[in-house]
Protein backbone atom coordinates (compact mmCIF):
# COMPACT_ATOMS: atom_id res chain seq x y z
CA UNK A 1 -29.16 -14.99 50.84
CA UNK A 2 -32.57 -15.30 48.92
CA UNK A 3 -33.45 -13.64 45.78
CA UNK A 4 -36.27 -11.03 46.08
CA UNK A 5 -38.11 -9.97 42.47
CA UNK A 6 -40.00 -6.52 42.28
CA UNK A 7 -40.38 -3.48 40.55
CA UNK A 8 -38.83 -0.13 41.28
CA UNK A 9 -40.24 2.86 39.10
CA UNK A 10 -41.84 0.53 36.82
CA UNK A 11 -38.37 -1.76 36.06
CA UNK A 12 -38.14 -5.46 37.57
CA UNK A 13 -35.24 -5.50 39.66
CA UNK A 14 -33.98 -8.78 41.51
CA UNK A 15 -31.44 -8.23 44.70
CA UNK A 16 -30.10 -10.64 46.78
CA UNK A 17 -30.04 -9.47 50.16
CA UNK A 18 -31.23 -10.67 54.02
CA UNK A 19 -35.25 -10.53 53.47
CA UNK A 20 -35.50 -8.61 57.05
CA UNK A 21 -33.18 -5.72 55.60
CA UNK A 22 -35.06 -2.27 55.58
CA UNK A 23 -36.08 -1.52 51.98
CA UNK A 24 -34.39 1.81 52.50
CA UNK A 25 -31.38 0.47 52.74
CA UNK A 26 -32.21 -1.35 49.68
CA UNK A 27 -33.06 1.82 47.83
CA UNK A 28 -29.97 3.34 48.59
CA UNK A 29 -27.10 1.02 49.02
CA UNK A 30 -28.03 -1.62 46.59
CA UNK A 31 -29.93 0.46 43.84
CA UNK A 32 -28.20 3.63 44.15
CA UNK A 33 -31.87 5.20 44.51
CA UNK A 34 -30.41 7.98 46.80
CA UNK A 35 -33.34 10.34 46.89
CA UNK A 36 -35.23 8.34 49.39
CA UNK A 37 -33.53 9.46 52.79
CA UNK A 38 -32.88 8.25 56.14
CA UNK A 39 -34.45 10.35 58.80
CA UNK A 40 -35.17 8.58 61.89
CA UNK A 41 -35.05 4.76 61.54
CA UNK A 42 -38.73 4.83 63.35
CA UNK A 43 -41.15 5.51 60.54
CA UNK A 44 -42.05 8.89 62.45
CA UNK A 45 -40.14 11.48 60.27
CA UNK A 46 -41.02 10.64 56.78
CA UNK A 47 -38.15 11.42 55.04
CA UNK A 48 -38.09 7.52 54.04
CA UNK A 49 -41.47 7.81 52.34
CA UNK A 50 -41.91 5.95 48.87
CA UNK A 51 -45.40 4.39 46.94
CA UNK A 52 -45.46 0.37 47.35
CA UNK A 53 -48.74 -0.77 44.89
CA UNK A 54 -49.66 2.87 45.05
CA UNK A 55 -49.82 3.18 49.10
CA UNK A 56 -47.55 5.73 50.72
CA UNK A 57 -44.98 3.70 53.05
CA UNK A 58 -42.18 4.44 55.43
CA UNK A 59 -39.07 2.51 53.59
CA UNK A 60 -36.98 2.71 57.00
CA UNK A 61 -39.16 -0.07 58.51
CA UNK A 62 -40.46 -1.96 55.72
CA UNK A 63 -38.57 -5.29 54.95
CA UNK A 64 -37.25 -5.78 51.65
CA UNK A 65 -38.99 -9.22 51.51
CA UNK A 66 -42.57 -7.77 51.95
CA UNK A 67 -41.80 -6.22 48.62
CA UNK A 68 -41.56 -9.37 46.67
CA UNK A 69 -43.99 -9.13 43.69
CA UNK A 70 -44.68 -5.43 44.24
CA UNK A 71 -44.10 -2.10 42.63
CA UNK A 72 -42.15 0.58 44.65
CA UNK A 73 -42.28 3.97 43.41
CA UNK A 74 -39.24 6.12 44.89
CA UNK A 75 -39.02 10.04 44.26
CA UNK A 76 -36.86 9.07 41.03
CA UNK A 77 -39.90 7.27 39.73
CA UNK A 78 -42.56 10.20 40.32
CA UNK A 79 -41.57 11.43 36.87
CA UNK A 80 -39.14 11.33 34.28
CA UNK A 81 -37.73 14.59 34.15
CA UNK A 82 -39.14 16.39 37.14
CA UNK A 83 -42.31 17.43 35.25
CA UNK A 84 -44.88 16.08 38.09
CA UNK A 85 -47.25 18.91 39.20
CA UNK A 86 -45.67 18.27 42.82
CA UNK A 87 -42.27 18.92 41.80
CA UNK A 88 -42.82 22.06 39.39
CA UNK A 89 -45.23 23.79 42.17
CA UNK A 90 -42.02 22.73 44.74
CA UNK A 91 -39.79 24.69 42.74
CA UNK A 92 -42.57 27.55 42.27
CA UNK A 93 -43.03 28.23 45.71
CA UNK A 94 -39.45 27.77 46.53
CA UNK A 95 -39.96 25.07 49.30
CA UNK A 96 -36.78 23.38 49.84
CA UNK A 97 -34.01 25.11 52.49
CA UNK A 98 -31.99 21.87 53.69
CA UNK A 99 -33.73 19.89 51.21
CA UNK A 100 -33.29 16.78 53.16
CA UNK A 101 -36.87 15.87 54.10
CA UNK A 102 -38.38 17.09 50.46
CA UNK A 103 -38.36 13.78 48.48
CA UNK A 104 -40.51 12.19 51.51
CA UNK A 105 -42.82 15.26 51.75
CA UNK A 106 -43.50 15.29 47.84
CA UNK A 107 -43.95 11.15 48.07
CA UNK A 108 -46.71 11.68 51.07
CA UNK A 109 -48.29 14.64 49.12
CA UNK A 110 -48.56 12.55 45.86
CA UNK A 111 -50.41 9.80 47.85
CA UNK A 112 -52.26 12.33 49.25
CA UNK A 113 -53.63 14.22 46.20
CA UNK A 114 -54.60 10.73 44.58
CA UNK A 115 -57.19 10.17 47.38
CA UNK A 116 -58.06 14.03 47.85
CA UNK A 117 -58.03 15.99 44.77
CA UNK A 118 -59.46 19.15 46.09
CA UNK A 119 -57.74 19.83 49.50
CA UNK A 120 -58.66 22.80 51.74
CA UNK A 121 -55.34 24.09 53.65
CA UNK A 122 -56.41 22.15 56.56
CA UNK A 123 -56.77 18.61 54.77
CA UNK A 124 -53.15 19.71 53.53
CA UNK A 125 -52.02 20.37 57.11
CA UNK A 126 -53.61 16.91 58.50
CA UNK A 127 -52.16 15.16 55.37
CA UNK A 128 -48.60 16.29 55.93
CA UNK A 129 -48.74 16.39 59.68
CA UNK A 130 -46.49 13.59 60.22
CA UNK A 131 -43.75 14.55 57.83
CA UNK A 132 -41.18 16.60 59.53
CA UNK A 133 -39.41 19.73 58.33
CA UNK A 134 -36.56 20.83 60.53
CA UNK A 135 -36.39 24.19 58.39
CA UNK A 136 -39.85 25.15 59.36
CA UNK A 137 -40.95 25.36 55.38
CA UNK A 138 -44.55 24.15 56.33
CA UNK A 139 -46.34 27.14 54.80
CA UNK A 140 -44.57 26.88 51.47
CA UNK A 141 -45.16 22.95 51.37
CA UNK A 142 -48.85 24.18 51.84
CA UNK A 143 -48.63 26.53 49.13
CA UNK A 144 -47.24 24.04 46.96
CA UNK A 145 -49.55 21.24 47.50
CA UNK A 146 -52.71 23.63 46.89
CA UNK A 147 -50.76 25.15 43.76
CA UNK A 148 -50.21 21.39 42.62
CA UNK A 149 -53.80 20.34 43.30
CA UNK A 150 -55.06 23.05 41.23
CA UNK A 151 -52.40 22.37 38.22
CA UNK A 152 -53.65 18.68 38.68
CA UNK A 153 -57.26 20.06 38.26
CA UNK A 154 -56.64 22.02 34.89
CA UNK A 155 -56.15 25.41 36.43
CA UNK A 156 -52.23 26.18 36.25
CA UNK A 157 -51.54 29.61 36.90
CA UNK A 158 -54.66 30.77 38.14
CA UNK A 159 -56.01 31.80 41.44
CA UNK A 160 -54.16 32.74 44.72
CA UNK A 161 -52.36 30.60 47.03
CA UNK A 162 -53.92 30.55 50.28
CA UNK A 163 -50.62 29.85 52.20
CA UNK A 164 -48.96 32.99 50.82
CA UNK A 165 -51.10 35.03 48.81
CA UNK A 166 -49.52 34.51 45.87
CA UNK A 167 -50.09 33.89 42.51
CA UNK A 168 -51.07 29.84 41.80
């Protein structure tokens, strides 16, 4: 088997696996980074979302050979101590129920907020429409993303959440 070298959460990593192995299974089974979840296996639900060179990707269909020389960021690498504004907003808005889809939701939202720093509720809904939450927490997910955007724009603790009517 070939050696594949890439960065995972900023650290150089070498794996010896078949190049067609989905990145998801390398992350979970080889590198023991279990925050990235298996949901559907066909890139439809978003539970497996990671960033590859800063771009949002579904790791369940992404062959590990395609990340050679690239930088992969998983939920474990979003922040060292869970202080990314999205992680803090997720807690403040009490988003998770079962929690299974949450790492993929957060990674998708992080990619979205890089390109849209001042989203409207409609922008958030469109950006997150390809991530599935079976628990039905879409309103709280929206509120958390709007809260995080406000915090990232220097307005923590100010304003009203348009999704819940609560304080941002």
